[in-house]
Amino acid sequence: MGNKDTNKTDGYRPISCTTYDHYEIWAMRKTLLSITYNATTVITRIVTLTVTNGVEYAILENGEKIRLDNIDEVLEA
């Protein structure tokens, strides 16, 4: 999958501050996660969070960039 940006930038829906805080904590702790988005599930870690043109993204260990509003479920693996 590499550096694939799995999302369009139009129609962004901001996520809640509480959810964003969870993503930040998981990134800081390097927690192994099961992340489901766009009918795909990956087992990975969030390396960092970033904002591009007002759209929030998670950058994963494999380099993939996922728009936070496209994430359906995150579970600790």
PDB file of N, CA and C in Angstrom:
ATOM      1  N   MET A   1       0.809  -1.190   0.000  1.00  0.00           N
ATOM      2  CA  MET A   1       0.000   0.000   0.000  1.00  0.00           C
ATOM      3  C   MET A   1       0.858   1.262   0.000  1.00  0.00           C
ATOM      4  N   GLY A   2       1.994   1.258   0.646  1.00  0.00           N
ATOM      5  CA  GLY A   2       2.949   2.343   0.581  1.00  0.00           C
ATOM      6  C   GLY A   2       2.393   3.671   1.049  1.00  0.00           C
ATOM      7  N   ASN A   3       2.727   4.747   0.346  1.00  0.00           N
ATOM      8  CA  ASN A   3       2.308   6.085   0.718  1.00  0.00           C
ATOM      9  C   ASN A   3       0.958   6.464   0.129  1.00  0.00           C
ATOM     10  N   LYS A   4       0.157   5.505  -0.133  1.00  0.00           N
ATOM     11  CA  LYS A   4      -1.144   5.733  -0.747  1.00  0.00           C
ATOM     12  C   LYS A   4      -2.038   6.563   0.175  1.00  0.00           C
ATOM     13  N   ASP A   5      -2.585   7.634  -0.364  1.00  0.00           N
ATOM     14  CA  ASP A   5      -3.577   8.439   0.344  1.00  0.00           C
ATOM     15  C   ASP A   5      -4.923   7.834   0.001  1.00  0.00           C
ATOM     16  N   THR A   6      -5.558   7.200   0.983  1.00  0.00           N
ATOM     17  CA  THR A   6      -6.754   6.410   0.724  1.00  0.00           C
ATOM     18  C   THR A   6      -8.026   7.240   0.675  1.00  0.00           C
ATOM     19  N   ASN A   7      -7.897   8.557   0.645  1.00  0.00           N
ATOM     20  CA  ASN A   7      -9.077   9.377   0.813  1.00  0.00           C
ATOM     21  C   ASN A   7      -9.089  10.605  -0.075  1.00  0.00           C
ATOM     22  N   LYS A   8     -10.288  11.090  -0.379  1.00  0.00           N
ATOM     23  CA  LYS A   8     -10.465  12.370  -1.044  1.00  0.00           C
ATOM     24  C   LYS A   8     -10.438  13.458   0.035  1.00  0.00           C
ATOM     25  N   THR A   9     -10.170  14.711  -0.358  1.00  0.00           N
ATOM     26  CA  THR A   9     -10.156  15.796   0.616  1.00  0.00           C
ATOM     27  C   THR A   9     -11.487  16.535   0.692  1.00  0.00           C
ATOM     28  N   ASP A  10     -12.423  16.242  -0.197  1.00  0.00           N
ATOM     29  CA  ASP A  10     -13.715  16.922  -0.154  1.00  0.00           C
ATOM     30  C   ASP A  10     -14.638  16.260   0.857  1.00  0.00           C
ATOM     31  N   GLY A  11     -15.587  17.031   1.389  1.00  0.00           N
ATOM     32  CA  GLY A  11     -16.581  16.480   2.300  1.00  0.00           C
ATOM     33  C   GLY A  11     -16.037  16.040   3.646  1.00  0.00           C
ATOM     34  N   TYR A  12     -14.935  16.630   4.103  1.00  0.00           N
ATOM     35  CA  TYR A  12     -14.351  16.218   5.383  1.00  0.00           C
ATOM     36  C   TYR A  12     -15.302  16.511   6.539  1.00  0.00           C
ATOM     37  N   ARG A  13     -15.435  15.539   7.443  1.00  0.00           N
ATOM     38  CA  ARG A  13     -16.253  15.675   8.650  1.00  0.00           C
ATOM     39  C   ARG A  13     -15.318  15.619   9.853  1.00  0.00           C
ATOM     40  N   PRO A  14     -15.110  16.746  10.548  1.00  0.00           N
ATOM     41  CA  PRO A  14     -14.213  16.733  11.703  1.00  0.00           C
ATOM     42  C   PRO A  14     -14.648  15.691  12.733  1.00  0.00           C
ATOM     43  N   ILE A  15     -13.657  15.052  13.354  1.00  0.00           N
ATOM     44  CA  ILE A  15     -13.958  14.075  14.396  1.00  0.00           C
ATOM     45  C   ILE A  15     -13.993  14.785  15.743  1.00  0.00           C
ATOM     46  N   SER A  16     -14.506  14.115  16.761  1.00  0.00           N
ATOM     47  CA  SER A  16     -14.582  14.724  18.088  1.00  0.00           C
ATOM     48  C   SER A  16     -13.192  14.858  18.703  1.00  0.00           C
ATOM     49  N   CYS A  17     -13.050  15.827  19.587  1.00  0.00           N
ATOM     50  CA  CYS A  17     -11.776  16.023  20.287  1.00  0.00           C
ATOM     51  C   CYS A  17     -11.417  14.792  21.113  1.00  0.00           C
ATOM     52  N   THR A  18     -12.399  14.144  21.700  1.00  0.00           N
ATOM     53  CA  THR A  18     -12.154  12.950  22.499  1.00  0.00           C
ATOM     54  C   THR A  18     -11.565  11.833  21.645  1.00  0.00           C
ATOM     55  N   THR A  19     -12.121  11.623  20.469  1.00  0.00           N
ATOM     56  CA  THR A  19     -11.612  10.592  19.563  1.00  0.00           C
ATOM     57  C   THR A  19     -10.193  10.934  19.124  1.00  0.00           C
ATOM     58  N   TYR A  20      -9.952  12.199  18.780  1.00  0.00           N
ATOM     59  CA  TYR A  20      -8.615  12.636  18.377  1.00  0.00           C
ATOM     60  C   TYR A  20      -7.620  12.384  19.507  1.00  0.00           C
ATOM     61  N   ASP A  21      -8.024  12.678  20.744  1.00  0.00           N
ATOM     62  CA  ASP A  21      -7.153  12.439  21.907  1.00  0.00           C
ATOM     63  C   ASP A  21      -6.777  10.969  22.026  1.00  0.00           C
ATOM     64  N   HIS A  22      -7.738  10.064  21.768  1.00  0.00           N
ATOM     65  CA  HIS A  22      -7.438   8.634  21.801  1.00  0.00           C
ATOM     66  C   HIS A  22      -6.376   8.283  20.765  1.00  0.00           C
ATOM     67  N   TYR A  23      -6.523   8.812  19.546  1.00  0.00           N
ATOM     68  CA  TYR A  23      -5.535   8.547  18.502  1.00  0.00           C
ATOM     69  C   TYR A  23      -4.156   9.047  18.910  1.00  0.00           C
ATOM     70  N   GLU A  24      -4.100  10.232  19.536  1.00  0.00           N
ATOM     71  CA  GLU A  24      -2.823  10.782  19.994  1.00  0.00           C
ATOM     72  C   GLU A  24      -2.165   9.889  21.042  1.00  0.00           C
ATOM     73  N   ILE A  25      -2.958   9.422  21.990  1.00  0.00           N
ATOM     74  CA  ILE A  25      -2.430   8.558  23.056  1.00  0.00           C
ATOM     75  C   ILE A  25      -1.922   7.248  22.471  1.00  0.00           C
ATOM     76  N   TRP A  26      -2.696   6.642  21.562  1.00  0.00           N
ATOM     77  CA  TRP A  26      -2.248   5.391  20.930  1.00  0.00           C
ATOM     78  C   TRP A  26      -0.952   5.606  20.156  1.00  0.00           C
ATOM     79  N   ALA A  27      -0.829   6.747  19.492  1.00  0.00           N
ATOM     80  CA  ALA A  27       0.405   7.043  18.751  1.00  0.00           C
ATOM     81  C   ALA A  27       1.579   7.193  19.715  1.00  0.00           C
ATOM     82  N   MET A  28       1.393   7.945  20.800  1.00  0.00           N
ATOM     83  CA  MET A  28       2.469   8.148  21.779  1.00  0.00           C
ATOM     84  C   MET A  28       2.921   6.833  22.407  1.00  0.00           C
ATOM     85  N   ARG A  29       1.968   5.973  22.697  1.00  0.00           N
ATOM     86  CA  ARG A  29       2.277   4.697  23.359  1.00  0.00           C
ATOM     87  C   ARG A  29       2.675   3.601  22.389  1.00  0.00           C
ATOM     88  N   LYS A  30       2.613   3.907  21.070  1.00  0.00           N
ATOM     89  CA  LYS A  30       2.944   2.926  20.026  1.00  0.00           C
ATOM     90  C   LYS A  30       2.101   1.657  20.163  1.00  0.00           C
ATOM     91  N   THR A  31       0.827   1.855  20.461  1.00  0.00           N
ATOM     92  CA  THR A  31      -0.108   0.755  20.683  1.00  0.00           C
ATOM     93  C   THR A  31      -0.431   0.053  19.359  1.00  0.00           C
ATOM     94  N   LEU A  32      -0.380  -1.269  19.365  1.00  0.00           N
ATOM     95  CA  LEU A  32      -0.782  -2.051  18.196  1.00  0.00           C
ATOM     96  C   LEU A  32      -2.305  -2.014  18.102  1.00  0.00           C
ATOM     97  N   LEU A  33      -2.803  -1.636  16.935  1.00  0.00           N
ATOM     98  CA  LEU A  33      -4.238  -1.417  16.748  1.00  0.00           C
ATOM     99  C   LEU A  33      -4.789  -2.206  15.572  1.00  0.00           C
ATOM    100  N   SER A  34      -6.075  -2.503  15.661  1.00  0.00           N
ATOM    101  CA  SER A  34      -6.841  -3.006  14.528  1.00  0.00           C
ATOM    102  C   SER A  34      -7.701  -1.824  14.071  1.00  0.00           C
ATOM    103  N   ILE A  35      -7.392  -1.308  12.870  1.00  0.00           N
ATOM    104  CA  ILE A  35      -8.085  -0.125  12.356  1.00  0.00           C
ATOM    105  C   ILE A  35      -8.923  -0.529  11.148  1.00  0.00           C
ATOM    106  N   THR A  36     -10.220  -0.228  11.217  1.00  0.00           N
ATOM    107  CA  THR A  36     -11.125  -0.527  10.109  1.00  0.00           C
ATOM    108  C   THR A  36     -11.558   0.787   9.468  1.00  0.00           C
ATOM    109  N   TYR A  37     -11.375   0.867   8.133  1.00  0.00           N
ATOM    110  CA  TYR A  37     -11.748   2.047   7.365  1.00  0.00           C
ATOM    111  C   TYR A  37     -12.008   1.614   5.926  1.00  0.00           C
ATOM    112  N   ASN A  38     -12.955   2.257   5.282  1.00  0.00           N
ATOM    113  CA  ASN A  38     -13.261   1.967   3.863  1.00  0.00           C
ATOM    114  C   ASN A  38     -13.330   0.467   3.579  1.00  0.00           C
ATOM    115  N   ALA A  39     -13.997  -0.296   4.439  1.00  0.00           N
ATOM    116  CA  ALA A  39     -14.180  -1.750   4.289  1.00  0.00           C
ATOM    117  C   ALA A  39     -12.859  -2.521   4.320  1.00  0.00           C
ATOM    118  N   THR A  40     -11.824  -1.937   4.936  1.00  0.00           N
ATOM    119  CA  THR A  40     -10.516  -2.576   5.068  1.00  0.00           C
ATOM    120  C   THR A  40     -10.126  -2.584   6.538  1.00  0.00           C
ATOM    121  N   THR A  41      -9.517  -3.667   6.994  1.00  0.00           N
ATOM    122  CA  THR A  41      -8.993  -3.719   8.359  1.00  0.00           C
ATOM    123  C   THR A  41      -7.506  -3.998   8.299  1.00  0.00           C
ATOM    124  N   VAL A  42      -6.734  -3.198   9.043  1.00  0.00           N
ATOM    125  CA  VAL A  42      -5.288  -3.398   9.125  1.00  0.00           C
ATOM    126  C   VAL A  42      -4.875  -3.482  10.582  1.00  0.00           C
ATOM    127  N   ILE A  43      -3.850  -4.275  10.847  1.00  0.00           N
ATOM    128  CA  ILE A  43      -3.233  -4.349  12.169  1.00  0.00           C
ATOM    129  C   ILE A  43      -1.946  -3.550  12.063  1.00  0.00           C
ATOM    130  N   THR A  44      -1.858  -2.449  12.814  1.00  0.00           N
ATOM    131  CA  THR A  44      -0.731  -1.526  12.655  1.00  0.00           C
ATOM    132  C   THR A  44      -0.651  -0.597  13.850  1.00  0.00           C
ATOM    133  N   ARG A  45       0.297   0.306  13.789  1.00  0.00           N
ATOM    134  CA  ARG A  45       0.429   1.366  14.785  1.00  0.00           C
ATOM    135  C   ARG A  45       0.296   2.719  14.083  1.00  0.00           C
ATOM    136  N   ILE A  46      -0.233   3.711  14.811  1.00  0.00           N
ATOM    137  CA  ILE A  46      -0.255   5.078  14.309  1.00  0.00           C
ATOM    138  C   ILE A  46       1.097   5.688  14.665  1.00  0.00           C
ATOM    139  N   VAL A  47       1.801   6.192  13.659  1.00  0.00           N
ATOM    140  CA  VAL A  47       3.107   6.820  13.876  1.00  0.00           C
ATOM    141  C   VAL A  47       2.925   8.270  14.302  1.00  0.00           C
ATOM    142  N   THR A  48       2.040   8.973  13.606  1.00  0.00           N
ATOM    143  CA  THR A  48       1.782  10.377  13.917  1.00  0.00           C
ATOM    144  C   THR A  48       0.436  10.791  13.340  1.00  0.00           C
ATOM    145  N   LEU A  49      -0.026  11.931  13.771  1.00  0.00           N
ATOM    146  CA  LEU A  49      -1.231  12.545  13.226  1.00  0.00           C
ATOM    147  C   LEU A  49      -0.803  13.836  12.543  1.00  0.00           C
ATOM    148  N   THR A  50      -1.480  14.178  11.466  1.00  0.00           N
ATOM    149  CA  THR A  50      -1.124  15.378  10.712  1.00  0.00           C
ATOM    150  C   THR A  50      -2.386  16.024  10.155  1.00  0.00           C
ATOM    151  N   VAL A  51      -2.272  17.295   9.823  1.00  0.00           N
ATOM    152  CA  VAL A  51      -3.385  18.027   9.211  1.00  0.00           C
ATOM    153  C   VAL A  51      -2.878  18.622   7.901  1.00  0.00           C
ATOM    154  N   THR A  52      -3.597  18.356   6.816  1.00  0.00           N
ATOM    155  CA  THR A  52      -3.275  18.901   5.499  1.00  0.00           C
ATOM    156  C   THR A  52      -4.518  19.574   4.945  1.00  0.00           C
ATOM    157  N   ASN A  53      -4.426  20.851   4.663  1.00  0.00           N
ATOM    158  CA  ASN A  53      -5.564  21.610   4.126  1.00  0.00           C
ATOM    159  C   ASN A  53      -6.817  21.444   4.968  1.00  0.00           C
ATOM    160  N   GLY A  54      -6.658  21.433   6.297  1.00  0.00           N
ATOM    161  CA  GLY A  54      -7.785  21.331   7.203  1.00  0.00           C
ATOM    162  C   GLY A  54      -8.335  19.934   7.392  1.00  0.00           C
ATOM    163  N   VAL A  55      -7.695  18.931   6.802  1.00  0.00           N
ATOM    164  CA  VAL A  55      -8.144  17.541   6.913  1.00  0.00           C
ATOM    165  C   VAL A  55      -7.159  16.779   7.798  1.00  0.00           C
ATOM    166  N   GLU A  56      -7.690  16.073   8.813  1.00  0.00           N
ATOM    167  CA  GLU A  56      -6.856  15.333   9.767  1.00  0.00           C
ATOM    168  C   GLU A  56      -6.588  13.921   9.251  1.00  0.00           C
ATOM    169  N   TYR A  57      -5.322  13.487   9.388  1.00  0.00           N
ATOM    170  CA  TYR A  57      -4.893  12.174   8.928  1.00  0.00           C
ATOM    171  C   TYR A  57      -4.097  11.453  10.004  1.00  0.00           C
ATOM    172  N   ALA A  58      -4.149  10.115   9.964  1.00  0.00           N
ATOM    173  CA  ALA A  58      -3.238   9.261  10.731  1.00  0.00           C
ATOM    174  C   ALA A  58      -2.230   8.707   9.739  1.00  0.00           C
ATOM    175  N   ILE A  59      -0.952   8.772  10.104  1.00  0.00           N
ATOM    176  CA  ILE A  59       0.101   8.157   9.310  1.00  0.00           C
ATOM    177  C   ILE A  59       0.454   6.847  10.005  1.00  0.00           C
ATOM    178  N   LEU A  60       0.329   5.745   9.282  1.00  0.00           N
ATOM    179  CA  LEU A  60       0.537   4.417   9.858  1.00  0.00           C
ATOM    180  C   LEU A  60       1.970   3.949   9.661  1.00  0.00           C
ATOM    181  N   GLU A  61       2.334   2.880  10.369  1.00  0.00           N
ATOM    182  CA  GLU A  61       3.682   2.306  10.277  1.00  0.00           C
ATOM    183  C   GLU A  61       4.108   2.002   8.851  1.00  0.00           C
ATOM    184  N   ASN A  62       3.174   1.555   8.032  1.00  0.00           N
ATOM    185  CA  ASN A  62       3.512   1.179   6.656  1.00  0.00           C
ATOM    186  C   ASN A  62       3.555   2.388   5.716  1.00  0.00           C
ATOM    187  N   GLY A  63       3.384   3.599   6.266  1.00  0.00           N
ATOM    188  CA  GLY A  63       3.424   4.813   5.462  1.00  0.00           C
ATOM    189  C   GLY A  63       2.077   5.242   4.930  1.00  0.00           C
ATOM    190  N   GLU A  64       1.067   4.421   5.132  1.00  0.00           N
ATOM    191  CA  GLU A  64      -0.270   4.757   4.635  1.00  0.00           C
ATOM    192  C   GLU A  64      -0.830   5.942   5.408  1.00  0.00           C
ATOM    193  N   LYS A  65      -1.560   6.800   4.705  1.00  0.00           N
ATOM    194  CA  LYS A  65      -2.167   8.011   5.252  1.00  0.00           C
ATOM    195  C   LYS A  65      -3.681   7.834   5.193  1.00  0.00           C
ATOM    196  N   ILE A  66      -4.332   7.827   6.360  1.00  0.00           N
ATOM    197  CA  ILE A  66      -5.777   7.589   6.436  1.00  0.00           C
ATOM    198  C   ILE A  66      -6.469   8.818   7.001  1.00  0.00           C
ATOM    199  N   ARG A  67      -7.491   9.273   6.292  1.00  0.00           N
ATOM    200  CA  ARG A  67      -8.287  10.381   6.800  1.00  0.00           C
ATOM    201  C   ARG A  67      -9.040   9.924   8.040  1.00  0.00           C
ATOM    202  N   LEU A  68      -8.964  10.711   9.126  1.00  0.00           N
ATOM    203  CA  LEU A  68      -9.560  10.285  10.384  1.00  0.00           C
ATOM    204  C   LEU A  68     -11.074  10.109  10.303  1.00  0.00           C
ATOM    205  N   ASP A  69     -11.750  10.900   9.478  1.00  0.00           N
ATOM    206  CA  ASP A  69     -13.205  10.747   9.390  1.00  0.00           C
ATOM    207  C   ASP A  69     -13.627   9.517   8.598  1.00  0.00           C
ATOM    208  N   ASN A  70     -12.674   8.803   7.991  1.00  0.00           N
ATOM    209  CA  ASN A  70     -12.999   7.560   7.285  1.00  0.00           C
ATOM    210  C   ASN A  70     -12.806   6.331   8.159  1.00  0.00           C
ATOM    211  N   ILE A  71     -12.285   6.516   9.352  1.00  0.00           N
ATOM    212  CA  ILE A  71     -12.065   5.380  10.254  1.00  0.00           C
ATOM    213  C   ILE A  71     -13.401   4.990  10.887  1.00  0.00           C
ATOM    214  N   ASP A  72     -13.741   3.699  10.757  1.00  0.00           N
ATOM    215  CA  ASP A  72     -15.008   3.184  11.298  1.00  0.00           C
ATOM    216  C   ASP A  72     -14.843   2.622  12.698  1.00  0.00           C
ATOM    217  N   GLU A  73     -13.674   1.981  12.943  1.00  0.00           N
ATOM    218  CA  GLU A  73     -13.470   1.325  14.241  1.00  0.00           C
ATOM    219  C   GLU A  73     -11.986   1.188  14.516  1.00  0.00           C
ATOM    220  N   VAL A  74     -11.610   1.381  15.782  1.00  0.00           N
ATOM    221  CA  VAL A  74     -10.233   1.141  16.211  1.00  0.00           C
ATOM    222  C   VAL A  74     -10.292   0.333  17.496  1.00  0.00           C
ATOM    223  N   LEU A  75      -9.590  -0.790  17.500  1.00  0.00           N
ATOM    224  CA  LEU A  75      -9.498  -1.649  18.674  1.00  0.00           C
ATOM    225  C   LEU A  75      -8.030  -1.920  18.978  1.00  0.00           C
ATOM    226  N   GLU A  76      -7.696  -2.024  20.255  1.00  0.00           N
ATOM    227  CA  GLU A  76      -6.343  -2.411  20.601  1.00  0.00           C
ATOM    228  C   GLU A  76      -6.182  -3.883  20.226  1.00  0.00           C
ATOM    229  N   ALA A  77      -5.096  -4.177  19.514  1.00  0.00           N
ATOM    230  CA  ALA A  77      -4.884  -5.539  19.018  1.00  0.00           C
ATOM    231  C   ALA A  77      -4.183  -6.395  20.063  1.00  0.00           C
TER     232      ALA A  77
END
